[in-house]
Amino acid sequence: MIAAVVLAAGVSSRMGKPKQTLLLHGVPMLEMVLETLRRSIVGRVVVVLGANALEVRKHVKFTSEFVVVNTRFAEGMSSSLKLGLKHVGKDADAVIIVLGDQPFVLPATIDALAAAYEESRARIVVPTHRGTRGNPVLFDRSVFSKIERIRGDRGAKQVVQEYDADVLEVEVSDRGVLVDIDSQSDLDREMGVRRRRSRAQA
């Protein structure tokens, strides 16, 4: 079984308000991320909240997801990573680390990572778009202990770097793997890009 951990504990300092609840087409951003996972083959989803957890719960609809609150979110992303891993279950062969501020990733991309893993059993599977690595990233259980040793405001990128020779890259047409929303200007820019592309394809 492949699980997913959604990191959504940040303080949204650049946004100035909880970006997890920011509306995109009338839907909170975090809910868009969760809907992507609901439409994928992922077996279990763990959502890690932290800053503004109560506010997020008021606006985001959770269904089958297991939600945990990281009371130590101020210690950085590593604390959320480790908390999420604790709840994926012993039957999880691998976990996909999903960023709560990447609402444009497609379900097909999640499935492509899972399929590549099932076929190769690579330790790490990374999506690329036009040759550039993005997120989310899949990690085999054999590297969970490495993730658990990360400290401070650091994600699992250092584990990817350490095992670079074992990384399997999966090229996808999904530009969403390269787009994360940290500020209102990020969102405005991305929505503008998508509108222009939509008009060009019409």
C-alpha atoms as a PDB file:
ATOM      1  CA  MET A   1       0.000   0.000   0.000  1.00  0.00           C
ATOM      2  CA  ILE A   2       1.185   3.497  -0.836  1.00  0.00           C
ATOM      3  CA  ALA A   3       0.247   6.258   1.600  1.00  0.00           C
ATOM      4  CA  ALA A   4       0.465  10.030   1.371  1.00  0.00           C
ATOM      5  CA  VAL A   5       1.445  12.645   3.942  1.00  0.00           C
ATOM      6  CA  VAL A   6       0.151  16.139   3.253  1.00  0.00           C
ATOM      7  CA  LEU A   7       2.206  18.905   4.869  1.00  0.00           C
ATOM      8  CA  ALA A   8      -0.131  21.777   5.766  1.00  0.00           C
ATOM      9  CA  ALA A   9       1.199  23.069   9.092  1.00  0.00           C
ATOM     10  CA  GLY A  10       2.896  26.272   7.939  1.00  0.00           C
ATOM     11  CA  VAL A  11       2.170  29.751   9.233  1.00  0.00           C
ATOM     12  CA  SER A  12       1.643  31.269   5.754  1.00  0.00           C
ATOM     13  CA  SER A  13       3.817  34.258   6.662  1.00  0.00           C
ATOM     14  CA  ARG A  14       4.179  35.471   3.059  1.00  0.00           C
ATOM     15  CA  MET A  15       0.474  35.150   2.364  1.00  0.00           C
ATOM     16  CA  GLY A  16      -0.581  37.048   5.493  1.00  0.00           C
ATOM     17  CA  LYS A  17      -3.486  34.660   6.090  1.00  0.00           C
ATOM     18  CA  PRO A  18      -3.924  30.864   6.223  1.00  0.00           C
ATOM     19  CA  LYS A  19      -3.205  29.859   2.654  1.00  0.00           C
ATOM     20  CA  GLN A  20      -4.707  26.431   3.296  1.00  0.00           C
ATOM     21  CA  THR A  21      -8.121  28.136   3.184  1.00  0.00           C
ATOM     22  CA  LEU A  22      -7.395  30.385   0.198  1.00  0.00           C
ATOM     23  CA  LEU A  23     -10.174  29.915  -2.356  1.00  0.00           C
ATOM     24  CA  LEU A  24      -9.370  28.720  -5.867  1.00  0.00           C
ATOM     25  CA  HIS A  25     -12.493  28.468  -8.002  1.00  0.00           C
ATOM     26  CA  GLY A  26     -14.472  28.576  -4.755  1.00  0.00           C
ATOM     27  CA  VAL A  27     -12.606  25.671  -3.147  1.00  0.00           C
ATOM     28  CA  PRO A  28     -10.021  25.991  -0.323  1.00  0.00           C
ATOM     29  CA  MET A  29      -6.518  25.311  -1.618  1.00  0.00           C
ATOM     30  CA  LEU A  30      -5.867  22.447   0.803  1.00  0.00           C
ATOM     31  CA  GLU A  31      -9.144  20.823  -0.197  1.00  0.00           C
ATOM     32  CA  MET A  32      -8.031  20.906  -3.832  1.00  0.00           C
ATOM     33  CA  VAL A  33      -4.878  19.042  -2.822  1.00  0.00           C
ATOM     34  CA  LEU A  34      -6.934  16.467  -0.924  1.00  0.00           C
ATOM     35  CA  GLU A  35      -9.330  16.007  -3.836  1.00  0.00           C
ATOM     36  CA  THR A  36      -6.368  15.175  -6.062  1.00  0.00           C
ATOM     37  CA  LEU A  37      -5.373  12.408  -3.653  1.00  0.00           C
ATOM     38  CA  ARG A  38      -8.963  11.160  -3.356  1.00  0.00           C
ATOM     39  CA  ARG A  39      -8.999  10.683  -7.112  1.00  0.00           C
ATOM     40  CA  SER A  40      -5.680   8.813  -7.088  1.00  0.00           C
ATOM     41  CA  ILE A  41      -4.780   5.249  -6.116  1.00  0.00           C
ATOM     42  CA  VAL A  42      -3.202   6.301  -2.801  1.00  0.00           C
ATOM     43  CA  GLY A  43      -4.449   4.027  -0.037  1.00  0.00           C
ATOM     44  CA  ARG A  44      -4.190   6.243   3.043  1.00  0.00           C
ATOM     45  CA  VAL A  45      -3.851  10.003   3.470  1.00  0.00           C
ATOM     46  CA  VAL A  46      -2.417  11.663   6.583  1.00  0.00           C
ATOM     47  CA  VAL A  47      -2.832  15.443   6.806  1.00  0.00           C
ATOM     48  CA  VAL A  48      -0.546  17.358   9.142  1.00  0.00           C
ATOM     49  CA  LEU A  49      -1.958  20.672  10.353  1.00  0.00           C
ATOM     50  CA  GLY A  50      -0.243  23.104  12.716  1.00  0.00           C
ATOM     51  CA  ALA A  51      -0.532  26.874  12.639  1.00  0.00           C
ATOM     52  CA  ASN A  52      -4.160  27.977  12.225  1.00  0.00           C
ATOM     53  CA  ALA A  53      -5.376  24.386  12.631  1.00  0.00           C
ATOM     54  CA  LEU A  54      -8.761  25.423  14.021  1.00  0.00           C
ATOM     55  CA  GLU A  55      -9.332  27.898  11.207  1.00  0.00           C
ATOM     56  CA  VAL A  56      -8.370  25.308   8.615  1.00  0.00           C
ATOM     57  CA  ARG A  57     -10.775  22.738  10.092  1.00  0.00           C
ATOM     58  CA  LYS A  58     -13.617  25.279   9.834  1.00  0.00           C
ATOM     59  CA  HIS A  59     -13.172  25.760   6.110  1.00  0.00           C
ATOM     60  CA  VAL A  60     -11.697  22.531   4.725  1.00  0.00           C
ATOM     61  CA  LYS A  61     -13.815  19.392   4.380  1.00  0.00           C
ATOM     62  CA  PHE A  62     -12.006  16.248   5.457  1.00  0.00           C
ATOM     63  CA  THR A  63     -13.523  12.889   4.533  1.00  0.00           C
ATOM     64  CA  SER A  64     -11.440   9.726   4.878  1.00  0.00           C
ATOM     65  CA  GLU A  65      -8.192  11.567   5.670  1.00  0.00           C
ATOM     66  CA  PHE A  66      -6.485  11.062   9.035  1.00  0.00           C
ATOM     67  CA  VAL A  67      -5.781  14.531  10.431  1.00  0.00           C
ATOM     68  CA  VAL A  68      -3.084  15.230  13.019  1.00  0.00           C
ATOM     69  CA  VAL A  69      -2.039  18.557  14.520  1.00  0.00           C
ATOM     70  CA  ASN A  70       1.638  19.341  14.903  1.00  0.00           C
ATOM     71  CA  THR A  71       1.863  21.437  18.055  1.00  0.00           C
ATOM     72  CA  ARG A  72       5.586  21.829  17.391  1.00  0.00           C
ATOM     73  CA  PHE A  73       5.149  23.348  13.933  1.00  0.00           C
ATOM     74  CA  ALA A  74       7.374  26.280  14.923  1.00  0.00           C
ATOM     75  CA  GLU A  75      10.322  23.864  14.890  1.00  0.00           C
ATOM     76  CA  GLY A  76      10.018  23.621  11.130  1.00  0.00           C
ATOM     77  CA  MET A  77       8.939  21.275   8.377  1.00  0.00           C
ATOM     78  CA  SER A  78      10.934  18.326   9.681  1.00  0.00           C
ATOM     79  CA  SER A  79       8.654  18.045  12.720  1.00  0.00           C
ATOM     80  CA  SER A  80       5.619  17.708  10.449  1.00  0.00           C
ATOM     81  CA  LEU A  81       7.356  15.141   8.258  1.00  0.00           C
ATOM     82  CA  LYS A  82       8.169  12.934  11.222  1.00  0.00           C
ATOM     83  CA  LEU A  83       4.704  13.275  12.730  1.00  0.00           C
ATOM     84  CA  GLY A  84       3.088  12.335   9.448  1.00  0.00           C
ATOM     85  CA  LEU A  85       5.275   9.269   9.010  1.00  0.00           C
ATOM     86  CA  LYS A  86       4.237   8.009  12.456  1.00  0.00           C
ATOM     87  CA  HIS A  87       0.661   7.681  11.235  1.00  0.00           C
ATOM     88  CA  VAL A  88       1.012   6.153   7.748  1.00  0.00           C
ATOM     89  CA  GLY A  89       0.735   2.641   9.179  1.00  0.00           C
ATOM     90  CA  LYS A  90       3.050  -0.345   9.193  1.00  0.00           C
ATOM     91  CA  ASP A  91       1.447  -1.701   6.035  1.00  0.00           C
ATOM     92  CA  ALA A  92       2.638   1.263   3.969  1.00  0.00           C
ATOM     93  CA  ASP A  93       5.375   0.193   1.561  1.00  0.00           C
ATOM     94  CA  ALA A  94       6.024   3.790   0.572  1.00  0.00           C
ATOM     95  CA  VAL A  95       4.799   7.311   1.208  1.00  0.00           C
ATOM     96  CA  ILE A  96       4.256  10.259  -1.118  1.00  0.00           C
ATOM     97  CA  ILE A  97       5.140  13.541   0.585  1.00  0.00           C
ATOM     98  CA  VAL A  98       2.629  16.093  -0.687  1.00  0.00           C
ATOM     99  CA  LEU A  99       2.879  19.847  -0.140  1.00  0.00           C
ATOM    100  CA  GLY A 100      -0.346  21.498   0.966  1.00  0.00           C
ATOM    101  CA  ASP A 101       0.378  24.540  -1.201  1.00  0.00           C
ATOM    102  CA  GLN A 102       0.585  22.685  -4.527  1.00  0.00           C
ATOM    103  CA  PRO A 103      -3.061  22.642  -5.631  1.00  0.00           C
ATOM    104  CA  PHE A 104      -2.445  22.117  -9.344  1.00  0.00           C
ATOM    105  CA  VAL A 105      -0.888  18.646  -9.238  1.00  0.00           C
ATOM    106  CA  LEU A 106      -3.008  16.140 -11.168  1.00  0.00           C
ATOM    107  CA  PRO A 107      -4.258  12.761  -9.902  1.00  0.00           C
ATOM    108  CA  ALA A 108      -2.590  11.164 -12.936  1.00  0.00           C
ATOM    109  CA  THR A 109       0.772  12.407 -11.671  1.00  0.00           C
ATOM    110  CA  ILE A 110       0.239  10.759  -8.291  1.00  0.00           C
ATOM    111  CA  ASP A 111      -0.700   7.535 -10.075  1.00  0.00           C
ATOM    112  CA  ALA A 112       2.351   7.780 -12.336  1.00  0.00           C
ATOM    113  CA  LEU A 113       4.667   7.990  -9.324  1.00  0.00           C
ATOM    114  CA  ALA A 114       2.930   5.020  -7.712  1.00  0.00           C
ATOM    115  CA  ALA A 115       3.070   2.951 -10.895  1.00  0.00           C
ATOM    116  CA  ALA A 116       6.760   3.695 -11.400  1.00  0.00           C
ATOM    117  CA  TYR A 117       7.440   2.659  -7.836  1.00  0.00           C
ATOM    118  CA  GLU A 118       5.446  -0.571  -8.094  1.00  0.00           C
ATOM    119  CA  GLU A 119       7.380  -1.522 -11.219  1.00  0.00           C
ATOM    120  CA  SER A 120      10.871  -0.525 -10.051  1.00  0.00           C
ATOM    121  CA  ARG A 121      10.769  -0.526  -6.229  1.00  0.00           C
ATOM    122  CA  ALA A 122      13.081   2.491  -6.406  1.00  0.00           C
ATOM    123  CA  ARG A 123      13.942   4.071  -3.073  1.00  0.00           C
ATOM    124  CA  ILE A 124      12.822   7.498  -4.264  1.00  0.00           C
ATOM    125  CA  VAL A 125      10.594   8.512  -7.173  1.00  0.00           C
ATOM    126  CA  VAL A 126      10.587  12.151  -8.292  1.00  0.00           C
ATOM    127  CA  PRO A 127       8.388  13.806 -10.935  1.00  0.00           C
ATOM    128  CA  THR A 128      10.046  15.999 -13.538  1.00  0.00           C
ATOM    129  CA  HIS A 129       8.493  18.484 -15.919  1.00  0.00           C
ATOM    130  CA  ARG A 130      10.591  19.360 -18.956  1.00  0.00           C
ATOM    131  CA  GLY A 131      13.614  18.002 -17.126  1.00  0.00           C
ATOM    132  CA  THR A 132      13.119  19.933 -13.873  1.00  0.00           C
ATOM    133  CA  ARG A 133      12.470  18.014 -10.661  1.00  0.00           C
ATOM    134  CA  GLY A 134       9.360  18.894  -8.697  1.00  0.00           C
ATOM    135  CA  ASN A 135       6.990  17.637  -6.009  1.00  0.00           C
ATOM    136  CA  PRO A 136       5.383  15.496  -4.644  1.00  0.00           C
ATOM    137  CA  VAL A 137       8.080  12.876  -4.052  1.00  0.00           C
ATOM    138  CA  LEU A 138       7.644   9.199  -3.217  1.00  0.00           C
ATOM    139  CA  PHE A 139       9.865   7.523  -0.607  1.00  0.00           C
ATOM    140  CA  ASP A 140      10.229   3.796  -0.035  1.00  0.00           C
ATOM    141  CA  ARG A 141       9.957   2.601   3.568  1.00  0.00           C
ATOM    142  CA  SER A 142      13.689   1.801   3.541  1.00  0.00           C
ATOM    143  CA  VAL A 143      14.476   5.536   3.776  1.00  0.00           C
ATOM    144  CA  PHE A 144      11.877   6.454   6.425  1.00  0.00           C
ATOM    145  CA  SER A 145      14.570   6.313   9.111  1.00  0.00           C
ATOM    146  CA  LYS A 146      16.597   8.895   7.196  1.00  0.00           C
ATOM    147  CA  ILE A 147      13.618  11.253   7.072  1.00  0.00           C
ATOM    148  CA  GLU A 148      13.068  10.791  10.798  1.00  0.00           C
ATOM    149  CA  ARG A 149      16.589  12.094  11.460  1.00  0.00           C
ATOM    150  CA  ILE A 150      16.008  15.438   9.731  1.00  0.00           C
ATOM    151  CA  ARG A 151      16.064  18.443  12.052  1.00  0.00           C
ATOM    152  CA  GLY A 152      14.820  22.031  11.839  1.00  0.00           C
ATOM    153  CA  ASP A 153      12.981  23.755   9.020  1.00  0.00           C
ATOM    154  CA  ARG A 154      14.113  21.313   6.369  1.00  0.00           C
ATOM    155  CA  GLY A 155      12.151  18.972   4.187  1.00  0.00           C
ATOM    156  CA  ALA A 156      13.153  15.634   2.727  1.00  0.00           C
ATOM    157  CA  LYS A 157      15.242  17.214  -0.032  1.00  0.00           C
ATOM    158  CA  GLN A 158      18.445  16.271   1.768  1.00  0.00           C
ATOM    159  CA  VAL A 159      17.386  12.609   1.684  1.00  0.00           C
ATOM    160  CA  VAL A 160      16.824  12.911  -2.067  1.00  0.00           C
ATOM    161  CA  GLN A 161      20.307  14.382  -2.416  1.00  0.00           C
ATOM    162  CA  GLU A 162      21.873  11.667  -0.256  1.00  0.00           C
ATOM    163  CA  TYR A 163      20.295   8.901  -2.334  1.00  0.00           C
ATOM    164  CA  ASP A 164      20.588  10.682  -5.670  1.00  0.00           C
ATOM    165  CA  ALA A 165      21.991   7.601  -7.389  1.00  0.00           C
ATOM    166  CA  ASP A 166      18.841   5.701  -6.394  1.00  0.00           C
ATOM    167  CA  VAL A 167      16.354   8.350  -7.536  1.00  0.00           C
ATOM    168  CA  LEU A 168      13.979   7.375 -10.320  1.00  0.00           C
ATOM    169  CA  GLU A 169      12.771  10.365 -12.326  1.00  0.00           C
ATOM    170  CA  VAL A 170       9.338  10.250 -13.935  1.00  0.00           C
ATOM    171  CA  GLU A 171       8.711  12.835 -16.635  1.00  0.00           C
ATOM    172  CA  VAL A 172       5.152  14.212 -16.549  1.00  0.00           C
ATOM    173  CA  SER A 173       3.273  16.786 -18.626  1.00  0.00           C
ATOM    174  CA  ASP A 174       1.896  18.223 -15.375  1.00  0.00           C
ATOM    175  CA  ARG A 175       3.326  21.713 -14.798  1.00  0.00           C
ATOM    176  CA  GLY A 176       1.685  21.665 -11.361  1.00  0.00           C
ATOM    177  CA  VAL A 177       4.618  19.704  -9.914  1.00  0.00           C
ATOM    178  CA  LEU A 178       6.711  22.877 -10.191  1.00  0.00           C
ATOM    179  CA  VAL A 179       4.138  25.320  -8.790  1.00  0.00           C
ATOM    180  CA  ASP A 180       3.693  26.075  -5.096  1.00  0.00           C
ATOM    181  CA  ILE A 181       1.684  29.002  -3.771  1.00  0.00           C
ATOM    182  CA  ASP A 182       3.458  31.061  -1.115  1.00  0.00           C
ATOM    183  CA  SER A 183       1.924  34.473  -1.735  1.00  0.00           C
ATOM    184  CA  GLN A 184      -1.011  36.172  -3.415  1.00  0.00           C
ATOM    185  CA  SER A 185       1.291  37.216  -6.251  1.00  0.00           C
ATOM    186  CA  ASP A 186       2.224  33.547  -6.797  1.00  0.00           C
ATOM    187  CA  LEU A 187      -1.439  32.674  -7.122  1.00  0.00           C
ATOM    188  CA  ASP A 188      -2.250  35.616  -9.388  1.00  0.00           C
ATOM    189  CA  ARG A 189       0.700  34.771 -11.632  1.00  0.00           C
ATOM    190  CA  GLU A 190      -0.216  31.107 -11.935  1.00  0.00           C
ATOM    191  CA  MET A 191      -3.888  31.798 -12.587  1.00  0.00           C
ATOM    192  CA  GLY A 192      -2.842  34.246 -15.301  1.00  0.00           C
ATOM    193  CA  VAL A 193      -0.629  31.613 -16.932  1.00  0.00           C
ATOM    194  CA  ARG A 194      -3.454  29.088 -16.887  1.00  0.00           C
ATOM    195  CA  ARG A 195      -5.954  31.550 -18.363  1.00  0.00           C
ATOM    196  CA  ARG A 196      -3.580  32.384 -21.214  1.00  0.00           C
ATOM    197  CA  ARG A 197      -2.944  28.711 -21.934  1.00  0.00           C
ATOM    198  CA  SER A 198      -6.657  27.985 -21.891  1.00  0.00           C
ATOM    199  CA  ARG A 199      -7.343  30.765 -24.399  1.00  0.00           C
ATOM    200  CA  ALA A 200      -4.488  29.590 -26.620  1.00  0.00           C
ATOM    201  CA  GLN A 201      -5.908  26.050 -26.706  1.00  0.00           C
ATOM    202  CA  ALA A 202      -9.477  27.216 -27.380  1.00  0.00           C
END
